[in-house]
Amino acid sequence: MISDPGLASWLQLTLAPGLGAATIRKLLSQFGLPEKVIAASRTELARYASAEALRALDSDAVASAVARTLAWLEQPGNSIVTLADAAYPRLLLEITDPPAVLYCRGRTELLNRPALAVVGSRNATAQGNSNAEQFARSFSNAGLSIVSGLAQGIDAAAHRGALAGEGSTIAVLGTGADILYPPGNAALAAEIATRGLLLSEFALGTKALAHNFPRRNRLISGLAQGCLVIEAALASGSLITARAAAEQGREVFAVPGSIHSPLSKGCHALIKSGAKLAESAEDVLAELSAFRRTGFASTRAAPNAAAAPPGGAEEPLLACMGFDPVDVDSLCARAGLPAERVSADLLRLELAGRITVLPGGLYQRLN
């Protein structure tokens, strides 16, 4: 749907060949919103952009592309979020090159909810796919959206796990939002468009070009508070995502595997270089909780994004907590629940603003 009356100007600016993201940011910084950029004299704009790019800006080809995109927006579920929109993901504003526009199919409210990236090999083992699905489902039940790239293997398994849980999932595409790639995941993509979010920074009609996927990976990590890698060879694109996550100040996790498996080499390399070893979903949830305490609290979504209603499944855990600080092991013993379940419920309660996290890994109930 069209929510921004100046959207045509955003599209004209971003669809003009030769105007790269860095140039567009300079123009916006200098002139203001896209309408003002386009209204400026071409002599003024020539200080920032090439003559060829300025000719393209005013071309019939760009005008036709804008018209096609506006027509696409008339279809149910389709939307575009610009840098000027309140819905633009706050975490992406922290990366060095945030896209000026995001093409969306589905639930844009997911853009500012707590999220975790889960990525890995396209040629995953059966165990790797099972791990990805089970981890993602646990994270989804803990109130996290799962961000991945819709590729075969680990990505697809992570999306399926997220949809099987109580949360949802964001699939970041390396193509235009109107192209489903790979074709084998068309049914999964359709389900995500309905229950989650398909997202792309690339113009409609952009095909699956190899050089677009590494660029796509920085958005997968940028949208999330952390990145978990499950099965990756040393030359895997998943390591690009993990490196981007580290550069963006996100937590990086890796699941270890057999020393004899090529698909464990990438994960082991990440662990050697400082990634957190993740043997269970609880390991990741505990680290993310600590990470928010030490620097991520200002950027996470509002607590009601994943709040549990009063009287919900977490009430017994609150009763077990009492009102004094308590650690996870003590809660597990009191509630008779496994540590993974308790950690997931604690994360949900924290997001709901019903408990607080204290130094030393302690939790305390709030009135």
Protein backbone atom coordinates (compact mmCIF):
# COMPACT_ATOMS: atom_id res chain seq x y z
CA MET A 1 0.00 0.00 0.00
CA ILE A 2 1.09 3.60 -0.57
CA SER A 3 1.63 5.46 2.71
CA ASP A 4 4.11 8.16 1.63
CA PRO A 5 2.84 10.85 -0.77
CA GLY A 6 6.44 11.53 -1.79
CA LEU A 7 7.15 7.89 -2.56
CA ALA A 8 7.37 8.46 -6.32
CA SER A 9 10.30 10.79 -5.67
CA TRP A 10 12.05 8.17 -3.52
CA LEU A 11 11.59 5.67 -6.33
CA GLN A 12 12.79 8.04 -9.04
CA LEU A 13 15.95 8.70 -7.05
CA THR A 14 16.72 5.09 -6.16
CA LEU A 15 15.81 3.58 -9.53
CA ALA A 16 18.09 5.88 -11.54
CA PRO A 17 21.12 3.88 -12.79
CA GLY A 18 24.40 5.42 -11.71
CA LEU A 19 23.08 6.89 -8.47
CA GLY A 20 24.59 4.56 -5.90
CA ALA A 21 23.56 4.37 -2.26
CA ALA A 22 26.44 6.58 -1.10
CA THR A 23 25.61 9.25 -3.67
CA ILE A 24 21.93 9.18 -2.72
CA ARG A 25 22.80 9.67 0.95
CA LYS A 26 24.99 12.67 0.03
CA LEU A 27 22.16 14.17 -2.01
CA LEU A 28 19.65 13.66 0.79
CA SER A 29 22.07 15.17 3.28
CA GLN A 30 22.64 18.20 1.08
CA PHE A 31 19.14 18.90 -0.26
CA GLY A 32 16.70 17.12 2.06
CA LEU A 33 13.91 14.80 0.98
CA PRO A 34 13.94 13.30 -2.53
CA GLU A 35 11.37 15.82 -3.81
CA LYS A 36 13.86 18.60 -3.07
CA VAL A 37 16.70 16.66 -4.66
CA ILE A 38 14.74 16.18 -7.86
CA ALA A 39 13.57 19.82 -7.84
CA ALA A 40 17.15 21.09 -7.56
CA SER A 41 18.88 22.37 -10.68
CA ARG A 42 20.91 19.81 -12.56
CA THR A 43 23.87 22.16 -12.27
CA GLU A 44 23.68 21.89 -8.49
CA LEU A 45 23.27 18.11 -8.65
CA ALA A 46 26.26 17.81 -10.97
CA ARG A 47 28.51 18.49 -7.99
CA TYR A 48 27.49 15.10 -6.59
CA ALA A 49 26.45 12.92 -9.53
CA SER A 50 27.70 12.20 -13.04
CA ALA A 51 26.03 13.67 -16.12
CA GLU A 52 25.02 10.16 -17.18
CA ALA A 53 23.30 9.50 -13.86
CA LEU A 54 21.44 12.80 -14.06
CA ARG A 55 20.23 12.01 -17.57
CA ALA A 56 18.98 8.67 -16.27
CA LEU A 57 17.18 10.42 -13.41
CA ASP A 58 15.00 12.25 -15.92
CA SER A 59 14.68 9.39 -18.41
CA ASP A 60 11.53 7.68 -19.67
CA ALA A 61 13.00 4.35 -18.53
CA VAL A 62 13.10 5.48 -14.90
CA ALA A 63 9.62 6.99 -15.16
CA SER A 64 8.33 3.63 -16.45
CA ALA A 65 10.08 1.77 -13.61
CA VAL A 66 8.47 4.11 -11.08
CA ALA A 67 5.04 3.51 -12.62
CA ARG A 68 5.52 -0.28 -12.55
CA THR A 69 6.56 -0.14 -8.91
CA LEU A 70 3.59 2.00 -7.92
CA ALA A 71 1.34 -0.51 -9.69
CA TRP A 72 3.00 -3.35 -7.71
CA LEU A 73 2.19 -1.46 -4.53
CA GLU A 74 -1.51 -1.70 -5.32
CA GLN A 75 -1.37 -5.47 -4.77
CA PRO A 76 -2.43 -6.62 -1.27
CA GLY A 77 0.45 -7.15 1.13
CA ASN A 78 3.01 -5.14 -0.85
CA SER A 79 4.62 -2.03 0.63
CA ILE A 80 7.76 0.09 0.52
CA VAL A 81 9.47 1.50 3.59
CA THR A 82 11.79 4.49 3.14
CA LEU A 83 14.46 5.99 5.36
CA ALA A 84 11.97 8.67 6.34
CA ASP A 85 9.31 6.22 7.54
CA ALA A 86 8.74 5.45 11.22
CA ALA A 87 8.53 1.78 10.23
CA TYR A 88 12.12 1.77 8.95
CA PRO A 89 14.09 -0.74 11.07
CA ARG A 90 16.04 1.11 13.74
CA LEU A 91 18.85 -1.45 13.74
CA LEU A 92 19.53 -0.84 10.03
CA LEU A 93 20.11 2.83 10.78
CA GLU A 94 23.20 1.71 12.72
CA ILE A 95 24.94 0.02 9.77
CA THR A 96 27.28 1.95 7.48
CA ASP A 97 25.15 1.73 4.32
CA PRO A 98 21.42 1.41 5.09
CA PRO A 99 19.24 1.08 1.97
CA ALA A 100 17.18 4.15 1.10
CA VAL A 101 14.13 1.98 0.38
CA LEU A 102 12.99 -1.50 1.36
CA TYR A 103 10.55 -3.49 -0.76
CA CYS A 104 8.26 -5.54 1.48
CA ARG A 105 5.71 -8.32 1.13
CA GLY A 106 3.98 -9.11 4.38
CA ARG A 107 4.14 -7.86 7.95
CA THR A 108 6.29 -4.73 8.15
CA GLU A 109 5.72 -4.53 11.92
CA LEU A 110 8.34 -7.29 12.21
CA LEU A 111 11.03 -4.84 11.10
CA ASN A 112 11.35 -3.40 14.61
CA ARG A 113 10.78 -6.49 16.72
CA PRO A 114 13.62 -8.36 18.47
CA ALA A 115 15.26 -10.69 15.96
CA LEU A 116 18.03 -13.24 15.52
CA ALA A 117 19.71 -14.16 12.23
CA VAL A 118 20.10 -17.90 11.58
CA VAL A 119 22.16 -18.89 8.54
CA GLY A 120 24.18 -21.81 7.23
CA SER A 121 24.98 -24.13 4.37
CA ARG A 122 22.74 -24.62 1.35
CA ASN A 123 23.95 -28.24 1.27
CA ALA A 124 23.21 -28.97 4.89
CA THR A 125 23.10 -32.41 6.44
CA ALA A 126 19.87 -33.87 7.77
CA GLN A 127 21.13 -33.18 11.31
CA GLY A 128 22.01 -29.61 10.42
CA ASN A 129 18.54 -28.96 9.02
CA SER A 130 16.99 -30.52 12.12
CA ASN A 131 19.16 -28.37 14.40
CA ALA A 132 18.24 -25.21 12.49
CA GLU A 133 14.53 -25.96 12.66
CA GLN A 134 14.58 -26.84 16.36
CA PHE A 135 16.76 -23.85 17.34
CA ALA A 136 14.59 -21.46 15.32
CA ARG A 137 11.40 -22.80 16.84
CA SER A 138 12.79 -22.28 20.35
CA PHE A 139 13.84 -18.73 19.49
CA SER A 140 10.44 -18.05 17.93
CA ASN A 141 8.71 -19.30 21.08
CA ALA A 142 10.95 -16.94 23.06
CA GLY A 143 9.57 -13.96 21.14
CA LEU A 144 12.31 -13.52 18.53
CA SER A 145 11.75 -13.15 14.81
CA ILE A 146 14.14 -15.28 12.76
CA VAL A 147 15.96 -13.52 9.92
CA SER A 148 17.49 -15.58 7.12
CA GLY A 149 17.98 -15.63 3.36
CA LEU A 150 15.39 -18.12 1.99
CA ALA A 151 18.14 -20.32 0.52
CA GLN A 152 17.89 -24.09 0.45
CA GLY A 153 19.26 -25.92 3.49
CA ILE A 154 19.76 -24.14 6.80
CA ASP A 155 17.98 -20.92 5.78
CA ALA A 156 14.80 -22.72 4.75
CA ALA A 157 14.87 -24.91 7.86
CA ALA A 158 15.24 -21.83 10.07
CA HIS A 159 12.26 -20.14 8.39
CA ARG A 160 10.16 -23.29 8.86
CA GLY A 161 11.12 -23.54 12.52
CA ALA A 162 10.25 -19.90 13.13
CA LEU A 163 6.82 -20.33 11.53
CA ALA A 164 6.21 -23.42 13.68
CA GLY A 165 6.78 -21.35 16.82
CA GLU A 166 4.87 -18.46 18.32
CA GLY A 167 6.92 -15.77 16.58
CA SER A 168 7.59 -15.22 12.91
CA THR A 169 10.33 -14.80 10.32
CA ILE A 170 11.87 -12.33 7.86
CA ALA A 171 13.34 -13.60 4.59
CA VAL A 172 15.85 -11.16 3.06
CA LEU A 173 16.02 -11.65 -0.70
CA GLY A 174 18.94 -11.28 -3.10
CA THR A 175 16.46 -10.58 -5.90
CA GLY A 176 13.61 -8.16 -6.45
CA ALA A 177 10.66 -8.70 -4.13
CA ASP A 178 8.60 -9.85 -7.11
CA ILE A 179 10.93 -12.75 -7.91
CA LEU A 180 10.96 -15.96 -5.88
CA TYR A 181 14.41 -17.54 -5.66
CA PRO A 182 15.21 -20.35 -5.42
CA PRO A 183 12.08 -21.71 -7.17
CA GLY A 184 12.12 -24.77 -4.92
CA ASN A 185 11.20 -22.55 -1.95
CA ALA A 186 8.22 -20.90 -3.66
CA ALA A 187 5.68 -22.48 -1.29
CA LEU A 188 7.73 -21.44 1.75
CA ALA A 189 8.06 -17.90 0.37
CA ALA A 190 4.30 -17.70 -0.12
CA GLU A 191 3.74 -18.73 3.50
CA ILE A 192 6.28 -16.17 4.72
CA ALA A 193 4.57 -13.44 2.66
CA THR A 194 1.36 -14.25 4.53
CA ARG A 195 2.62 -14.93 8.06
CA GLY A 196 6.02 -13.21 8.06
CA LEU A 197 7.89 -10.77 5.82
CA LEU A 198 9.73 -10.98 2.50
CA LEU A 199 12.21 -8.10 2.21
CA SER A 200 14.51 -6.77 -0.52
CA GLU A 201 16.53 -3.64 -1.17
CA PHE A 202 16.73 -4.46 -4.89
CA ALA A 203 14.43 -2.97 -7.51
CA LEU A 204 11.56 -5.05 -8.81
CA GLY A 205 12.63 -7.38 -11.58
CA THR A 206 16.19 -7.80 -10.25
CA LYS A 207 17.21 -11.37 -11.03
CA ALA A 208 19.37 -13.74 -8.98
CA LEU A 209 22.82 -12.27 -9.67
CA ALA A 210 25.75 -13.71 -7.71
CA HIS A 211 27.16 -10.35 -6.61
CA ASN A 212 23.87 -9.31 -4.98
CA PHE A 213 23.84 -12.07 -2.38
CA PRO A 214 26.89 -10.95 -0.34
CA ARG A 215 25.31 -7.48 -0.28
CA ARG A 216 22.04 -9.03 0.87
CA ASN A 217 23.84 -10.73 3.75
CA ARG A 218 24.66 -7.47 5.52
CA LEU A 219 20.92 -6.83 5.88
CA ILE A 220 20.33 -10.28 7.36
CA SER A 221 22.79 -9.50 10.13
CA GLY A 222 21.84 -5.83 10.33
CA LEU A 223 18.20 -6.56 11.12
CA ALA A 224 19.07 -8.81 14.05
CA GLN A 225 20.55 -8.55 17.52
CA GLY A 226 22.79 -11.56 16.86
CA CYS A 227 23.72 -14.11 14.22
CA LEU A 228 23.81 -17.90 14.64
CA VAL A 229 25.68 -20.01 12.07
CA ILE A 230 24.70 -23.67 11.75
CA GLU A 231 26.92 -25.72 9.39
CA ALA A 232 29.18 -23.70 7.10
CA ALA A 233 32.20 -24.56 4.97
CA LEU A 234 35.22 -22.28 5.08
CA ALA A 235 34.15 -20.65 1.80
CA SER A 236 30.50 -20.32 2.84
CA GLY A 237 28.52 -17.15 2.28
CA SER A 238 27.32 -17.61 5.85
CA LEU A 239 30.74 -16.47 7.03
CA ILE A 240 30.19 -13.22 5.12
CA THR A 241 27.01 -12.73 7.14
CA ALA A 242 28.86 -13.55 10.37
CA ARG A 243 31.65 -11.08 9.56
CA ALA A 244 29.07 -8.40 8.78
CA ALA A 245 27.38 -9.13 12.10
CA ALA A 246 30.65 -8.71 14.00
CA GLU A 247 31.42 -5.45 12.16
CA GLN A 248 27.94 -4.18 13.00
CA GLY A 249 28.45 -4.89 16.69
CA ARG A 250 26.11 -7.89 16.81
CA GLU A 251 26.76 -11.06 18.78
CA VAL A 252 27.96 -14.02 16.68
CA PHE A 253 27.23 -17.64 17.60
CA ALA A 254 28.23 -20.91 15.94
CA VAL A 255 27.14 -24.50 16.42
CA PRO A 256 30.13 -26.87 16.59
CA GLY A 257 30.27 -30.17 14.72
CA SER A 258 32.51 -33.07 13.81
CA ILE A 259 36.17 -32.23 13.22
CA HIS A 260 35.93 -34.46 10.14
CA SER A 261 33.03 -32.63 8.49
CA PRO A 262 33.75 -29.88 5.92
CA LEU A 263 30.51 -28.23 7.01
CA SER A 264 31.92 -27.77 10.51
CA LYS A 265 35.09 -25.99 9.40
CA GLY A 266 33.45 -22.59 9.03
CA CYS A 267 31.73 -22.78 12.42
CA HIS A 268 34.94 -23.89 14.11
CA ALA A 269 36.82 -21.01 12.48
CA LEU A 270 34.24 -18.57 13.83
CA ILE A 271 34.55 -20.01 17.33
CA LYS A 272 38.35 -19.74 17.16
CA SER A 273 38.00 -16.09 16.18
CA GLY A 274 35.69 -15.23 19.08
CA ALA A 275 32.18 -16.37 18.20
CA LYS A 276 30.19 -17.86 21.07
CA LEU A 277 29.84 -21.64 20.99
CA ALA A 278 26.16 -22.60 20.90
CA GLU A 279 25.18 -26.13 21.90
CA SER A 280 21.57 -25.23 22.62
CA ALA A 281 19.05 -22.46 22.12
CA GLU A 282 19.49 -21.65 25.80
CA ASP A 283 23.14 -20.71 25.19
CA VAL A 284 22.08 -18.09 22.66
CA LEU A 285 19.13 -16.75 24.65
CA ALA A 286 21.29 -16.29 27.75
CA GLU A 287 23.97 -14.40 25.80
CA LEU A 288 21.42 -12.16 24.07
CA SER A 289 19.92 -11.30 27.43
CA ALA A 290 23.34 -10.27 28.74
CA PHE A 291 24.07 -8.42 25.48
CA ARG A 292 20.93 -6.29 25.87
CA ARG A 293 21.96 -5.42 29.43
CA THR A 294 25.37 -4.16 28.29
CA GLY A 295 24.45 -2.08 25.28
CA PHE A 296 21.49 -3.14 23.22
CA ALA A 297 18.63 -2.01 25.44
CA SER A 298 18.30 1.33 23.64
CA THR A 299 17.75 -0.24 20.23
CA ARG A 300 15.45 -3.15 20.97
CA ALA A 301 11.75 -2.98 20.09
CA ALA A 302 9.17 -1.73 22.54
CA PRO A 303 8.35 -4.31 25.24
CA ASN A 304 4.77 -4.81 24.10
CA ALA A 305 6.01 -6.18 20.77
CA ALA A 306 6.37 -9.62 22.32
CA ALA A 307 4.50 -9.19 25.56
CA ALA A 308 2.75 -12.17 27.13
CA PRO A 309 -0.77 -11.46 28.38
CA PRO A 310 -1.41 -11.55 32.12
CA GLY A 311 -2.36 -14.99 33.29
CA GLY A 312 -0.41 -16.65 30.48
CA ALA A 313 1.94 -19.64 30.48
CA GLU A 314 4.66 -17.69 32.33
CA GLU A 315 2.56 -17.06 35.47
CA PRO A 316 3.78 -20.26 37.20
CA LEU A 317 7.36 -19.15 36.59
CA LEU A 318 6.64 -15.76 38.13
CA ALA A 319 5.20 -17.52 41.17
CA CYS A 320 8.37 -19.61 41.46
CA MET A 321 10.52 -16.46 41.31
CA GLY A 322 9.02 -14.73 44.29
CA PHE A 323 10.32 -11.18 44.62
CA ASP A 324 13.97 -11.80 45.46
CA PRO A 325 16.76 -12.10 42.84
CA VAL A 326 17.11 -15.67 41.57
CA ASP A 327 19.32 -17.51 39.07
CA VAL A 328 18.25 -19.79 36.22
CA ASP A 329 19.35 -23.02 37.91
CA SER A 330 17.26 -22.26 40.98
CA LEU A 331 14.25 -21.45 38.82
CA CYS A 332 14.63 -24.73 36.93
CA ALA A 333 14.65 -26.64 40.21
CA ARG A 334 11.66 -24.74 41.62
CA ALA A 335 9.55 -24.96 38.45
CA GLY A 336 10.61 -28.47 37.43
CA LEU A 337 11.26 -27.22 33.90
CA PRO A 338 14.27 -27.66 31.57
CA ALA A 339 16.74 -24.80 31.33
CA GLU A 340 15.88 -24.08 27.68
CA ARG A 341 12.20 -23.57 28.52
CA VAL A 342 12.99 -21.39 31.53
CA SER A 343 15.43 -19.22 29.53
CA ALA A 344 12.86 -18.77 26.77
CA ASP A 345 10.15 -17.78 29.26
CA LEU A 346 12.53 -15.39 31.05
CA LEU A 347 13.34 -13.65 27.77
CA ARG A 348 9.65 -13.24 27.00
CA LEU A 349 8.94 -11.90 30.48
CA GLU A 350 11.83 -9.45 30.17
CA LEU A 351 10.56 -8.20 26.81
CA ALA A 352 7.12 -7.81 28.38
CA GLY A 353 8.61 -5.64 31.14
CA ARG A 354 7.55 -8.06 33.89
CA ILE A 355 11.03 -8.95 35.16
CA THR A 356 14.41 -7.26 35.19
CA VAL A 357 17.89 -8.70 34.71
CA LEU A 358 20.51 -8.01 37.38
CA PRO A 359 24.29 -8.37 37.32
CA GLY A 360 25.58 -11.90 37.88
CA GLY A 361 22.91 -13.60 35.80
CA LEU A 362 20.12 -12.97 38.31
CA TYR A 363 16.48 -12.19 37.52
CA GLN A 364 13.99 -10.27 39.64
CA ARG A 365 10.24 -9.91 39.36
CA LEU A 366 8.79 -6.41 38.93
CA ASN A 367 5.56 -5.21 40.55
